[in-house]
PDB file of N, CA and C in Angstrom:
ATOM      1  N   UNK A   1     185.625 119.146 110.056  1.00  0.00           N
ATOM      2  CA  UNK A   1     184.831 119.477 109.280  1.00  0.00           C
ATOM      3  C   UNK A   1     185.160 120.854 109.224  1.00  0.00           C
ATOM      4  N   UNK A   2     185.395 121.220 108.077  1.00  0.00           N
ATOM      5  CA  UNK A   2     186.076 122.552 107.734  1.00  0.00           C
ATOM      6  C   UNK A   2     184.508 123.542 107.940  1.00  0.00           C
ATOM      7  N   UNK A   3     184.654 125.123 107.790  1.00  0.00           N
ATOM      8  CA  UNK A   3     183.725 125.990 107.877  1.00  0.00           C
ATOM      9  C   UNK A   3     182.757 126.071 106.540  1.00  0.00           C
ATOM     10  N   UNK A   4     183.272 125.720 105.446  1.00  0.00           N
ATOM     11  CA  UNK A   4     182.231 125.282 104.339  1.00  0.00           C
ATOM     12  C   UNK A   4     181.617 124.234 104.469  1.00  0.00           C
ATOM     13  N   UNK A   5     181.822 123.342 104.430  1.00  0.00           N
ATOM     14  CA  UNK A   5     181.292 122.246 104.714  1.00  0.00           C
ATOM     15  C   UNK A   5     180.487 122.125 106.095  1.00  0.00           C
ATOM     16  N   UNK A   6     180.144 123.257 107.083  1.00  0.00           N
ATOM     17  CA  UNK A   6     179.709 122.918 107.914  1.00  0.00           C
ATOM     18  C   UNK A   6     178.730 123.845 107.633  1.00  0.00           C
ATOM     19  N   UNK A   7     178.740 125.179 106.867  1.00  0.00           N
ATOM     20  CA  UNK A   7     178.227 126.260 106.434  1.00  0.00           C
ATOM     21  C   UNK A   7     176.886 125.709 105.329  1.00  0.00           C
ATOM     22  N   UNK A   8     177.227 124.150 104.363  1.00  0.00           N
ATOM     23  CA  UNK A   8     176.691 123.682 103.642  1.00  0.00           C
ATOM     24  C   UNK A   8     175.854 123.005 104.719  1.00  0.00           C
ATOM     25  N   UNK A   9     176.723 122.014 105.591  1.00  0.00           N
ATOM     26  CA  UNK A   9     175.377 121.173 106.134  1.00  0.00           C
ATOM     27  C   UNK A   9     174.510 121.622 107.222  1.00  0.00           C
ATOM     28  N   UNK A  10     175.005 122.963 107.595  1.00  0.00           N
ATOM     29  CA  UNK A  10     173.894 123.538 109.214  1.00  0.00           C
ATOM     30  C   UNK A  10     172.920 124.784 108.422  1.00  0.00           C
ATOM     31  N   UNK A  11     173.308 125.046 106.959  1.00  0.00           N
ATOM     32  CA  UNK A  11     171.861 126.154 105.778  1.00  0.00           C
ATOM     33  C   UNK A  11     173.030 127.297 106.615  1.00  0.00           C
ATOM     34  N   UNK A  12     173.653 127.634 107.440  1.00  0.00           N
ATOM     35  CA  UNK A  12     174.134 128.844 107.452  1.00  0.00           C
ATOM     36  C   UNK A  12     175.177 129.779 107.144  1.00  0.00           C
ATOM     37  N   UNK A  13     175.336 131.059 107.101  1.00  0.00           N
ATOM     38  CA  UNK A  13     176.508 131.579 106.465  1.00  0.00           C
ATOM     39  C   UNK A  13     177.908 131.323 107.147  1.00  0.00           C
ATOM     40  N   UNK A  14     179.010 131.328 106.608  1.00  0.00           N
ATOM     41  CA  UNK A  14     180.293 131.088 107.121  1.00  0.00           C
ATOM     42  C   UNK A  14     180.482 132.147 108.217  1.00  0.00           C
ATOM     43  N   UNK A  15     179.944 133.352 107.739  1.00  0.00           N
ATOM     44  CA  UNK A  15     179.966 134.749 108.666  1.00  0.00           C
ATOM     45  C   UNK A  15     179.240 134.405 110.037  1.00  0.00           C
ATOM     46  N   UNK A  16     177.896 133.954 109.986  1.00  0.00           N
ATOM     47  CA  UNK A  16     177.091 133.495 111.074  1.00  0.00           C
ATOM     48  C   UNK A  16     178.106 132.621 111.524  1.00  0.00           C
ATOM     49  N   UNK A  17     178.438 131.583 111.296  1.00  0.00           N
ATOM     50  CA  UNK A  17     179.386 130.813 112.041  1.00  0.00           C
ATOM     51  C   UNK A  17     180.141 131.294 112.931  1.00  0.00           C
ATOM     52  N   UNK A  18     181.115 132.216 112.054  1.00  0.00           N
ATOM     53  CA  UNK A  18     182.442 132.990 112.738  1.00  0.00           C
ATOM     54  C   UNK A  18     181.623 133.894 113.558  1.00  0.00           C
ATOM     55  N   UNK A  19     180.873 134.303 113.261  1.00  0.00           N
ATOM     56  CA  UNK A  19     179.723 135.179 114.692  1.00  0.00           C
ATOM     57  C   UNK A  19     180.007 134.398 115.773  1.00  0.00           C
ATOM     58  N   UNK A  20     178.783 133.449 115.946  1.00  0.00           N
ATOM     59  CA  UNK A  20     178.641 132.197 116.899  1.00  0.00           C
ATOM     60  C   UNK A  20     180.043 131.697 117.587  1.00  0.00           C
ATOM     61  N   UNK A  21     181.413 131.930 116.757  1.00  0.00           N
ATOM     62  CA  UNK A  21     182.290 131.296 117.485  1.00  0.00           C
ATOM     63  C   UNK A  21     183.029 132.743 118.048  1.00  0.00           C
ATOM     64  N   UNK A  22     182.881 133.619 117.763  1.00  0.00           N
ATOM     65  CA  UNK A  22     183.466 134.925 118.212  1.00  0.00           C
ATOM     66  C   UNK A  22     182.892 135.136 119.465  1.00  0.00           C
ATOM     67  N   UNK A  23     181.487 134.833 119.724  1.00  0.00           N
ATOM     68  CA  UNK A  23     180.912 135.398 120.954  1.00  0.00           C
ATOM     69  C   UNK A  23     180.876 133.905 121.647  1.00  0.00           C
ATOM     70  N   UNK A  24     181.697 132.915 121.248  1.00  0.00           N
ATOM     71  CA  UNK A  24     181.690 131.950 122.455  1.00  0.00           C
ATOM     72  C   UNK A  24     180.788 130.788 122.182  1.00  0.00           C
ATOM     73  N   UNK A  25     180.113 131.089 121.695  1.00  0.00           N
ATOM     74  CA  UNK A  25     178.638 130.100 121.255  1.00  0.00           C
ATOM     75  C   UNK A  25     179.231 128.656 120.779  1.00  0.00           C
ATOM     76  N   UNK A  26     179.959 128.424 119.992  1.00  0.00           N
ATOM     77  CA  UNK A  26     180.789 127.217 119.324  1.00  0.00           C
ATOM     78  C   UNK A  26     182.344 127.593 119.507  1.00  0.00           C
ATOM     79  N   UNK A  27     183.199 126.523 119.017  1.00  0.00           N
ATOM     80  CA  UNK A  27     184.329 126.589 119.439  1.00  0.00           C
ATOM     81  C   UNK A  27     184.758 125.341 118.428  1.00  0.00           C
ATOM     82  N   UNK A  28     186.053 125.931 117.924  1.00  0.00           N
ATOM     83  CA  UNK A  28     186.503 125.276 116.650  1.00  0.00           C
ATOM     84  C   UNK A  28     188.134 124.691 117.351  1.00  0.00           C
ATOM     85  N   UNK A  29     189.026 123.889 116.435  1.00  0.00           N
ATOM     86  CA  UNK A  29     190.277 123.761 117.018  1.00  0.00           C
ATOM     87  C   UNK A  29     191.227 123.482 115.517  1.00  0.00           C
ATOM     88  N   UNK A  30     192.384 124.199 115.487  1.00  0.00           N
ATOM     89  CA  UNK A  30     193.136 124.248 114.745  1.00  0.00           C
ATOM     90  C   UNK A  30     193.365 122.922 113.551  1.00  0.00           C
ATOM     91  N   UNK A  31     193.466 123.530 112.457  1.00  0.00           N
ATOM     92  CA  UNK A  31     193.518 122.412 111.675  1.00  0.00           C
ATOM     93  C   UNK A  31     194.880 121.224 111.555  1.00  0.00           C
ATOM     94  N   UNK A  32     194.975 120.528 110.985  1.00  0.00           N
ATOM     95  CA  UNK A  32     196.132 119.650 111.420  1.00  0.00           C
ATOM     96  C   UNK A  32     197.345 119.949 110.150  1.00  0.00           C
ATOM     97  N   UNK A  33     197.156 120.679 109.455  1.00  0.00           N
ATOM     98  CA  UNK A  33     198.490 120.846 108.552  1.00  0.00           C
ATOM     99  C   UNK A  33     199.407 122.554 109.347  1.00  0.00           C
ATOM    100  N   UNK A  34     200.675 121.920 109.253  1.00  0.00           N
ATOM    101  CA  UNK A  34     201.186 123.090 110.027  1.00  0.00           C
ATOM    102  C   UNK A  34     201.419 124.664 109.222  1.00  0.00           C
ATOM    103  N   UNK A  35     201.313 124.517 108.147  1.00  0.00           N
ATOM    104  CA  UNK A  35     201.369 125.857 107.455  1.00  0.00           C
ATOM    105  C   UNK A  35     199.922 126.385 106.987  1.00  0.00           C
ATOM    106  N   UNK A  36     198.634 125.657 107.525  1.00  0.00           N
ATOM    107  CA  UNK A  36     197.570 126.479 107.181  1.00  0.00           C
ATOM    108  C   UNK A  36     196.616 126.975 108.274  1.00  0.00           C
ATOM    109  N   UNK A  37     195.722 127.916 108.036  1.00  0.00           N
ATOM    110  CA  UNK A  37     195.269 128.466 109.453  1.00  0.00           C
ATOM    111  C   UNK A  37     193.856 127.957 109.290  1.00  0.00           C
ATOM    112  N   UNK A  38     193.793 126.649 108.662  1.00  0.00           N
ATOM    113  CA  UNK A  38     192.113 125.735 108.610  1.00  0.00           C
ATOM    114  C   UNK A  38     191.738 125.833 109.984  1.00  0.00           C
ATOM    115  N   UNK A  39     190.362 125.884 110.631  1.00  0.00           N
ATOM    116  CA  UNK A  39     189.675 125.687 111.931  1.00  0.00           C
ATOM    117  C   UNK A  39     188.736 124.555 111.183  1.00  0.00           C
ATOM    118  N   UNK A  40     189.053 123.590 112.397  1.00  0.00           N
ATOM    119  CA  UNK A  40     188.035 122.064 112.633  1.00  0.00           C
ATOM    120  C   UNK A  40     186.926 122.310 113.308  1.00  0.00           C
ATOM    121  N   UNK A  41     185.737 122.122 112.568  1.00  0.00           N
ATOM    122  CA  UNK A  41     184.307 121.936 113.565  1.00  0.00           C
ATOM    123  C   UNK A  41     183.993 120.276 113.609  1.00  0.00           C
ATOM    124  N   UNK A  42     183.481 120.372 114.932  1.00  0.00           N
ATOM    125  CA  UNK A  42     183.238 118.633 115.108  1.00  0.00           C
ATOM    126  C   UNK A  42     181.788 118.623 114.689  1.00  0.00           C
ATOM    127  N   UNK A  43     181.628 117.644 113.962  1.00  0.00           N
ATOM    128  CA  UNK A  43     179.992 116.574 113.287  1.00  0.00           C
ATOM    129  C   UNK A  43     179.085 117.405 114.331  1.00  0.00           C
ATOM    130  N   UNK A  44     179.403 116.998 115.837  1.00  0.00           N
ATOM    131  CA  UNK A  44     178.283 117.329 116.696  1.00  0.00           C
ATOM    132  C   UNK A  44     177.352 118.656 116.967  1.00  0.00           C
ATOM    133  N   UNK A  45     178.508 119.491 116.240  1.00  0.00           N
ATOM    134  CA  UNK A  45     178.023 120.932 116.219  1.00  0.00           C
ATOM    135  C   UNK A  45     177.034 121.385 115.492  1.00  0.00           C
ATOM    136  N   UNK A  46     176.773 120.445 114.665  1.00  0.00           N
ATOM    137  CA  UNK A  46     175.603 120.666 113.682  1.00  0.00           C
ATOM    138  C   UNK A  46     174.233 120.632 114.718  1.00  0.00           C
ATOM    139  N   UNK A  47     174.001 119.591 116.070  1.00  0.00           N
ATOM    140  CA  UNK A  47     173.019 119.780 116.385  1.00  0.00           C
ATOM    141  C   UNK A  47     173.205 121.237 117.161  1.00  0.00           C
ATOM    142  N   UNK A  48     173.990 121.609 117.577  1.00  0.00           N
ATOM    143  CA  UNK A  48     173.903 123.107 118.327  1.00  0.00           C
ATOM    144  C   UNK A  48     173.890 124.134 117.583  1.00  0.00           C
ATOM    145  N   UNK A  49     174.113 124.015 116.699  1.00  0.00           N
ATOM    146  CA  UNK A  49     173.497 125.068 115.470  1.00  0.00           C
ATOM    147  C   UNK A  49     172.360 125.259 115.215  1.00  0.00           C
ATOM    148  N   UNK A  50     171.468 124.004 114.790  1.00  0.00           N
ATOM    149  CA  UNK A  50     170.346 123.755 115.054  1.00  0.00           C
ATOM    150  C   UNK A  50     169.433 124.563 115.816  1.00  0.00           C
ATOM    151  N   UNK A  51     169.924 124.266 117.190  1.00  0.00           N
ATOM    152  CA  UNK A  51     169.586 124.612 118.597  1.00  0.00           C
ATOM    153  C   UNK A  51     169.944 126.483 118.467  1.00  0.00           C
ATOM    154  N   UNK A  52     170.684 126.779 117.900  1.00  0.00           N
ATOM    155  CA  UNK A  52     170.839 128.294 117.921  1.00  0.00           C
ATOM    156  C   UNK A  52     170.058 128.704 117.128  1.00  0.00           C
ATOM    157  N   UNK A  53     169.895 128.110 116.121  1.00  0.00           N
ATOM    158  CA  UNK A  53     168.993 129.298 114.726  1.00  0.00           C
ATOM    159  C   UNK A  53     167.699 129.260 115.415  1.00  0.00           C
ATOM    160  N   UNK A  54     167.192 127.986 115.739  1.00  0.00           N
ATOM    161  CA  UNK A  54     165.782 128.109 116.651  1.00  0.00           C
ATOM    162  C   UNK A  54     165.649 129.148 117.854  1.00  0.00           C
ATOM    163  N   UNK A  55     166.594 129.069 118.346  1.00  0.00           N
ATOM    164  CA  UNK A  55     166.308 129.828 119.827  1.00  0.00           C
ATOM    165  C   UNK A  55     166.677 131.539 119.293  1.00  0.00           C
ATOM    166  N   UNK A  56     167.608 131.734 118.377  1.00  0.00           N
ATOM    167  CA  UNK A  56     167.575 133.365 117.696  1.00  0.00           C
ATOM    168  C   UNK A  56     166.319 133.764 117.158  1.00  0.00           C
ATOM    169  N   UNK A  57     165.622 132.773 116.303  1.00  0.00           N
ATOM    170  CA  UNK A  57     164.151 132.958 115.609  1.00  0.00           C
ATOM    171  C   UNK A  57     163.466 133.226 116.703  1.00  0.00           C
ATOM    172  N   UNK A  58     163.294 132.656 117.548  1.00  0.00           N
ATOM    173  CA  UNK A  58     162.590 132.564 119.112  1.00  0.00           C
ATOM    174  C   UNK A  58     162.815 133.947 119.780  1.00  0.00           C
ATOM    175  N   UNK A  59     163.894 134.734 119.242  1.00  0.00           N
ATOM    176  CA  UNK A  59     164.060 135.857 119.661  1.00  0.00           C
ATOM    177  C   UNK A  59     164.869 135.900 121.237  1.00  0.00           C
ATOM    178  N   UNK A  60     165.573 134.762 121.063  1.00  0.00           N
ATOM    179  CA  UNK A  60     166.772 134.716 122.686  1.00  0.00           C
ATOM    180  C   UNK A  60     168.020 135.757 121.727  1.00  0.00           C
ATOM    181  N   UNK A  61     168.764 136.509 122.774  1.00  0.00           N
ATOM    182  CA  UNK A  61     169.971 137.341 122.421  1.00  0.00           C
ATOM    183  C   UNK A  61     171.154 136.130 122.336  1.00  0.00           C
ATOM    184  N   UNK A  62     171.853 136.771 121.812  1.00  0.00           N
ATOM    185  CA  UNK A  62     173.418 136.223 122.334  1.00  0.00           C
ATOM    186  C   UNK A  62     174.048 135.955 123.700  1.00  0.00           C
ATOM    187  N   UNK A  63     173.698 136.958 124.649  1.00  0.00           N
ATOM    188  CA  UNK A  63     173.780 136.938 125.665  1.00  0.00           C
ATOM    189  C   UNK A  63     172.909 135.885 126.404  1.00  0.00           C
ATOM    190  N   UNK A  64     171.588 135.857 126.121  1.00  0.00           N
ATOM    191  CA  UNK A  64     170.477 134.590 126.395  1.00  0.00           C
ATOM    192  C   UNK A  64     171.487 133.266 126.254  1.00  0.00           C
ATOM    193  N   UNK A  65     171.785 133.169 124.984  1.00  0.00           N
ATOM    194  CA  UNK A  65     172.458 131.705 124.542  1.00  0.00           C
ATOM    195  C   UNK A  65     173.574 131.207 125.005  1.00  0.00           C
ATOM    196  N   UNK A  66     174.644 132.603 125.468  1.00  0.00           N
ATOM    197  CA  UNK A  66     175.657 132.200 126.655  1.00  0.00           C
ATOM    198  C   UNK A  66     175.415 131.302 127.544  1.00  0.00           C
ATOM    199  N   UNK A  67     174.097 132.226 128.610  1.00  0.00           N
ATOM    200  CA  UNK A  67     173.926 131.699 129.734  1.00  0.00           C
ATOM    201  C   UNK A  67     173.576 130.279 129.579  1.00  0.00           C
ATOM    202  N   UNK A  68     172.997 129.458 128.464  1.00  0.00           N
ATOM    203  CA  UNK A  68     172.487 128.578 127.905  1.00  0.00           C
ATOM    204  C   UNK A  68     173.545 127.275 127.805  1.00  0.00           C
ATOM    205  N   UNK A  69     174.620 128.038 127.041  1.00  0.00           N
ATOM    206  CA  UNK A  69     175.557 127.157 126.936  1.00  0.00           C
ATOM    207  C   UNK A  69     176.600 127.138 127.891  1.00  0.00           C
ATOM    208  N   UNK A  70     176.688 127.731 129.037  1.00  0.00           N
ATOM    209  CA  UNK A  70     177.145 127.221 130.062  1.00  0.00           C
ATOM    210  C   UNK A  70     176.679 125.890 130.642  1.00  0.00           C
ATOM    211  N   UNK A  71     175.336 125.671 130.545  1.00  0.00           N
ATOM    212  CA  UNK A  71     174.835 124.430 131.096  1.00  0.00           C
ATOM    213  C   UNK A  71     174.939 123.194 129.882  1.00  0.00           C
ATOM    214  N   UNK A  72     175.206 123.664 128.748  1.00  0.00           N
ATOM    215  CA  UNK A  72     175.338 122.819 127.528  1.00  0.00           C
ATOM    216  C   UNK A  72     176.877 121.840 127.817  1.00  0.00           C
ATOM    217  N   UNK A  73     177.654 122.992 128.158  1.00  0.00           N
ATOM    218  CA  UNK A  73     179.148 122.852 128.035  1.00  0.00           C
ATOM    219  C   UNK A  73     179.953 121.983 129.501  1.00  0.00           C
ATOM    220  N   UNK A  74     178.575 122.066 130.401  1.00  0.00           N
ATOM    221  CA  UNK A  74     178.898 121.075 131.197  1.00  0.00           C
ATOM    222  C   UNK A  74     178.664 121.249 132.691  1.00  0.00           C
ATOM    223  N   UNK A  75     177.897 122.450 133.018  1.00  0.00           N
ATOM    224  CA  UNK A  75     177.798 122.759 133.960  1.00  0.00           C
ATOM    225  C   UNK A  75     176.362 122.083 134.774  1.00  0.00           C
ATOM    226  N   UNK A  76     176.142 121.414 135.921  1.00  0.00           N
ATOM    227  CA  UNK A  76     175.503 120.656 136.572  1.00  0.00           C
ATOM    228  C   UNK A  76     173.856 121.541 136.693  1.00  0.00           C
ATOM    229  N   UNK A  77     174.326 122.638 137.048  1.00  0.00           N
ATOM    230  CA  UNK A  77     173.237 123.722 137.362  1.00  0.00           C
ATOM    231  C   UNK A  77     172.458 124.275 136.039  1.00  0.00           C
ATOM    232  N   UNK A  78     170.978 123.985 135.676  1.00  0.00           N
ATOM    233  CA  UNK A  78     170.721 124.217 134.543  1.00  0.00           C
ATOM    234  C   UNK A  78     169.707 125.337 135.091  1.00  0.00           C
ATOM    235  N   UNK A  79     169.676 125.700 136.446  1.00  0.00           N
ATOM    236  CA  UNK A  79     168.719 127.101 136.494  1.00  0.00           C
ATOM    237  C   UNK A  79     168.905 127.907 135.934  1.00  0.00           C
ATOM    238  N   UNK A  80     169.962 128.333 135.563  1.00  0.00           N
ATOM    239  CA  UNK A  80     170.582 129.632 135.149  1.00  0.00           C
ATOM    240  C   UNK A  80     169.768 129.526 133.511  1.00  0.00           C
ATOM    241  N   UNK A  81     169.961 128.634 132.574  1.00  0.00           N
ATOM    242  CA  UNK A  81     169.515 128.657 131.599  1.00  0.00           C
ATOM    243  C   UNK A  81     167.729 128.111 131.187  1.00  0.00           C
ATOM    244  N   UNK A  82     166.846 127.399 132.229  1.00  0.00           N
ATOM    245  CA  UNK A  82     165.570 127.826 132.642  1.00  0.00           C
ATOM    246  C   UNK A  82     165.244 129.164 133.048  1.00  0.00           C
ATOM    247  N   UNK A  83     165.863 130.055 133.807  1.00  0.00           N
ATOM    248  CA  UNK A  83     165.965 131.127 133.964  1.00  0.00           C
ATOM    249  C   UNK A  83     165.629 132.179 132.713  1.00  0.00           C
ATOM    250  N   UNK A  84     166.377 131.492 131.916  1.00  0.00           N
ATOM    251  CA  UNK A  84     166.665 132.638 130.568  1.00  0.00           C
ATOM    252  C   UNK A  84     165.375 132.340 129.583  1.00  0.00           C
ATOM    253  N   UNK A  85     165.031 130.779 129.760  1.00  0.00           N
ATOM    254  CA  UNK A  85     163.877 130.436 128.717  1.00  0.00           C
ATOM    255  C   UNK A  85     162.884 130.545 129.376  1.00  0.00           C
ATOM    256  N   UNK A  86     162.745 130.926 130.964  1.00  0.00           N
ATOM    257  CA  UNK A  86     161.733 131.526 131.580  1.00  0.00           C
ATOM    258  C   UNK A  86     160.836 132.706 130.827  1.00  0.00           C
ATOM    259  N   UNK A  87     162.074 133.739 131.069  1.00  0.00           N
ATOM    260  CA  UNK A  87     162.098 135.023 130.908  1.00  0.00           C
ATOM    261  C   UNK A  87     161.641 135.167 129.302  1.00  0.00           C
ATOM    262  N   UNK A  88     161.897 134.623 128.688  1.00  0.00           N
ATOM    263  CA  UNK A  88     161.487 135.276 127.005  1.00  0.00           C
ATOM    264  C   UNK A  88     160.522 134.345 126.814  1.00  0.00           C
ATOM    265  N   UNK A  89     159.647 133.528 127.595  1.00  0.00           N
ATOM    266  CA  UNK A  89     158.386 132.921 127.477  1.00  0.00           C
ATOM    267  C   UNK A  89     157.550 134.126 128.078  1.00  0.00           C
ATOM    268  N   UNK A  90     157.834 134.557 129.257  1.00  0.00           N
ATOM    269  CA  UNK A  90     156.995 136.231 129.610  1.00  0.00           C
ATOM    270  C   UNK A  90     157.079 137.134 128.943  1.00  0.00           C
ATOM    271  N   UNK A  91     158.399 137.043 128.428  1.00  0.00           N
ATOM    272  CA  UNK A  91     158.729 138.579 127.145  1.00  0.00           C
ATOM    273  C   UNK A  91     157.225 138.411 125.988  1.00  0.00           C
ATOM    274  N   UNK A  92     157.551 137.023 125.771  1.00  0.00           N
ATOM    275  CA  UNK A  92     156.484 136.691 124.460  1.00  0.00           C
ATOM    276  C   UNK A  92     155.433 136.930 125.059  1.00  0.00           C
ATOM    277  N   UNK A  93     154.752 136.463 126.166  1.00  0.00           N
ATOM    278  CA  UNK A  93     153.501 136.417 126.169  1.00  0.00           C
ATOM    279  C   UNK A  93     152.964 137.707 126.706  1.00  0.00           C
ATOM    280  N   UNK A  94     154.165 138.765 126.899  1.00  0.00           N
ATOM    281  CA  UNK A  94     153.663 140.373 127.350  1.00  0.00           C
ATOM    282  C   UNK A  94     153.212 140.835 125.728  1.00  0.00           C
ATOM    283  N   UNK A  95     154.422 140.403 124.992  1.00  0.00           N
ATOM    284  CA  UNK A  95     154.120 140.892 123.369  1.00  0.00           C
ATOM    285  C   UNK A  95     153.050 140.047 122.708  1.00  0.00           C
ATOM    286  N   UNK A  96     152.582 139.277 122.998  1.00  0.00           N
ATOM    287  CA  UNK A  96     151.249 138.350 122.212  1.00  0.00           C
ATOM    288  C   UNK A  96     149.782 139.422 122.655  1.00  0.00           C
ATOM    289  N   UNK A  97     150.028 139.672 124.419  1.00  0.00           N
ATOM    290  CA  UNK A  97     149.161 140.266 124.388  1.00  0.00           C
ATOM    291  C   UNK A  97     149.107 141.776 123.855  1.00  0.00           C
ATOM    292  N   UNK A  98     150.284 142.292 123.977  1.00  0.00           N
ATOM    293  CA  UNK A  98     150.079 143.799 123.268  1.00  0.00           C
ATOM    294  C   UNK A  98     149.302 143.713 121.753  1.00  0.00           C
ATOM    295  N   UNK A  99     150.015 142.547 121.165  1.00  0.00           N
ATOM    296  CA  UNK A  99     149.597 142.369 119.388  1.00  0.00           C
ATOM    297  C   UNK A  99     147.977 142.296 119.441  1.00  0.00           C
ATOM    298  N   UNK A 100     147.269 141.229 120.516  1.00  0.00           N
ATOM    299  CA  UNK A 100     146.215 140.800 120.728  1.00  0.00           C
ATOM    300  C   UNK A 100     145.129 142.542 120.594  1.00  0.00           C
ATOM    301  N   UNK A 101     146.126 143.098 121.773  1.00  0.00           N
ATOM    302  CA  UNK A 101     145.006 144.830 122.087  1.00  0.00           C
ATOM    303  C   UNK A 101     145.006 145.614 120.551  1.00  0.00           C
ATOM    304  N   UNK A 102     146.625 145.847 120.074  1.00  0.00           N
ATOM    305  CA  UNK A 102     146.839 146.394 118.792  1.00  0.00           C
ATOM    306  C   UNK A 102     145.743 146.101 117.761  1.00  0.00           C
ATOM    307  N   UNK A 103     145.500 144.709 117.748  1.00  0.00           N
ATOM    308  CA  UNK A 103     144.548 144.143 116.631  1.00  0.00           C
ATOM    309  C   UNK A 103     143.227 144.404 116.531  1.00  0.00           C
ATOM    310  N   UNK A 104     142.886 144.321 118.034  1.00  0.00           N
ATOM    311  CA  UNK A 104     141.445 144.469 118.728  1.00  0.00           C
ATOM    312  C   UNK A 104     141.025 146.066 118.454  1.00  0.00           C
ATOM    313  N   UNK A 105     142.055 147.088 118.937  1.00  0.00           N
ATOM    314  CA  UNK A 105     141.908 148.252 118.149  1.00  0.00           C
ATOM    315  C   UNK A 105     141.931 148.633 116.825  1.00  0.00           C
ATOM    316  N   UNK A 106     142.459 148.210 115.836  1.00  0.00           N
ATOM    317  CA  UNK A 106     142.107 148.054 114.715  1.00  0.00           C
ATOM    318  C   UNK A 106     141.030 147.662 113.923  1.00  0.00           C
ATOM    319  N   UNK A 107     140.365 146.846 114.477  1.00  0.00           N
ATOM    320  CA  UNK A 107     139.494 145.753 113.824  1.00  0.00           C
ATOM    321  C   UNK A 107     138.523 146.773 114.220  1.00  0.00           C
ATOM    322  N   UNK A 108     138.358 147.761 115.711  1.00  0.00           N
ATOM    323  CA  UNK A 108     137.235 148.644 115.870  1.00  0.00           C
ATOM    324  C   UNK A 108     137.349 149.608 115.025  1.00  0.00           C
ATOM    325  N   UNK A 109     138.273 150.092 115.103  1.00  0.00           N
ATOM    326  CA  UNK A 109     138.548 151.443 114.041  1.00  0.00           C
ATOM    327  C   UNK A 109     138.043 150.948 112.706  1.00  0.00           C
ATOM    328  N   UNK A 110     138.512 150.086 112.289  1.00  0.00           N
ATOM    329  CA  UNK A 110     138.296 149.664 110.781  1.00  0.00           C
ATOM    330  C   UNK A 110     136.289 149.472 110.804  1.00  0.00           C
ATOM    331  N   UNK A 111     136.053 149.267 112.077  1.00  0.00           N
ATOM    332  CA  UNK A 111     134.194 149.026 111.908  1.00  0.00           C
ATOM    333  C   UNK A 111     133.533 150.216 111.864  1.00  0.00           C
ATOM    334  N   UNK A 112     134.441 151.543 112.434  1.00  0.00           N
ATOM    335  CA  UNK A 112     133.830 152.703 112.657  1.00  0.00           C
ATOM    336  C   UNK A 112     134.214 153.415 111.190  1.00  0.00           C
ATOM    337  N   UNK A 113     134.833 153.408 110.774  1.00  0.00           N
ATOM    338  CA  UNK A 113     135.390 153.792 109.358  1.00  0.00           C
ATOM    339  C   UNK A 113     134.311 153.549 108.183  1.00  0.00           C
TER     340      UNK A 113
END
């Protein structure tokens, strides 16, 4: 499928899809015509794009996703991907604690006013 169709089906912009491709998170192949510069994207890419969208919303960086992509692309060692996800979970737990402390402080301040 071409990028426009992929964008429509995935809900992502063409620029986002191109960004993922430039950063090695997805791949395409040259179109069948000799005179065009169109790229073809496989249908199964939709599942991966759904994962990338969720992962980015969860705060994973492009570098994190590259580490995970190595596992998806065929590496038998899943530990690098697990390490990235564990680290992100730890980061989120730390941020959650910080937010809780800040909210508690603001509630106390509000009560004093």
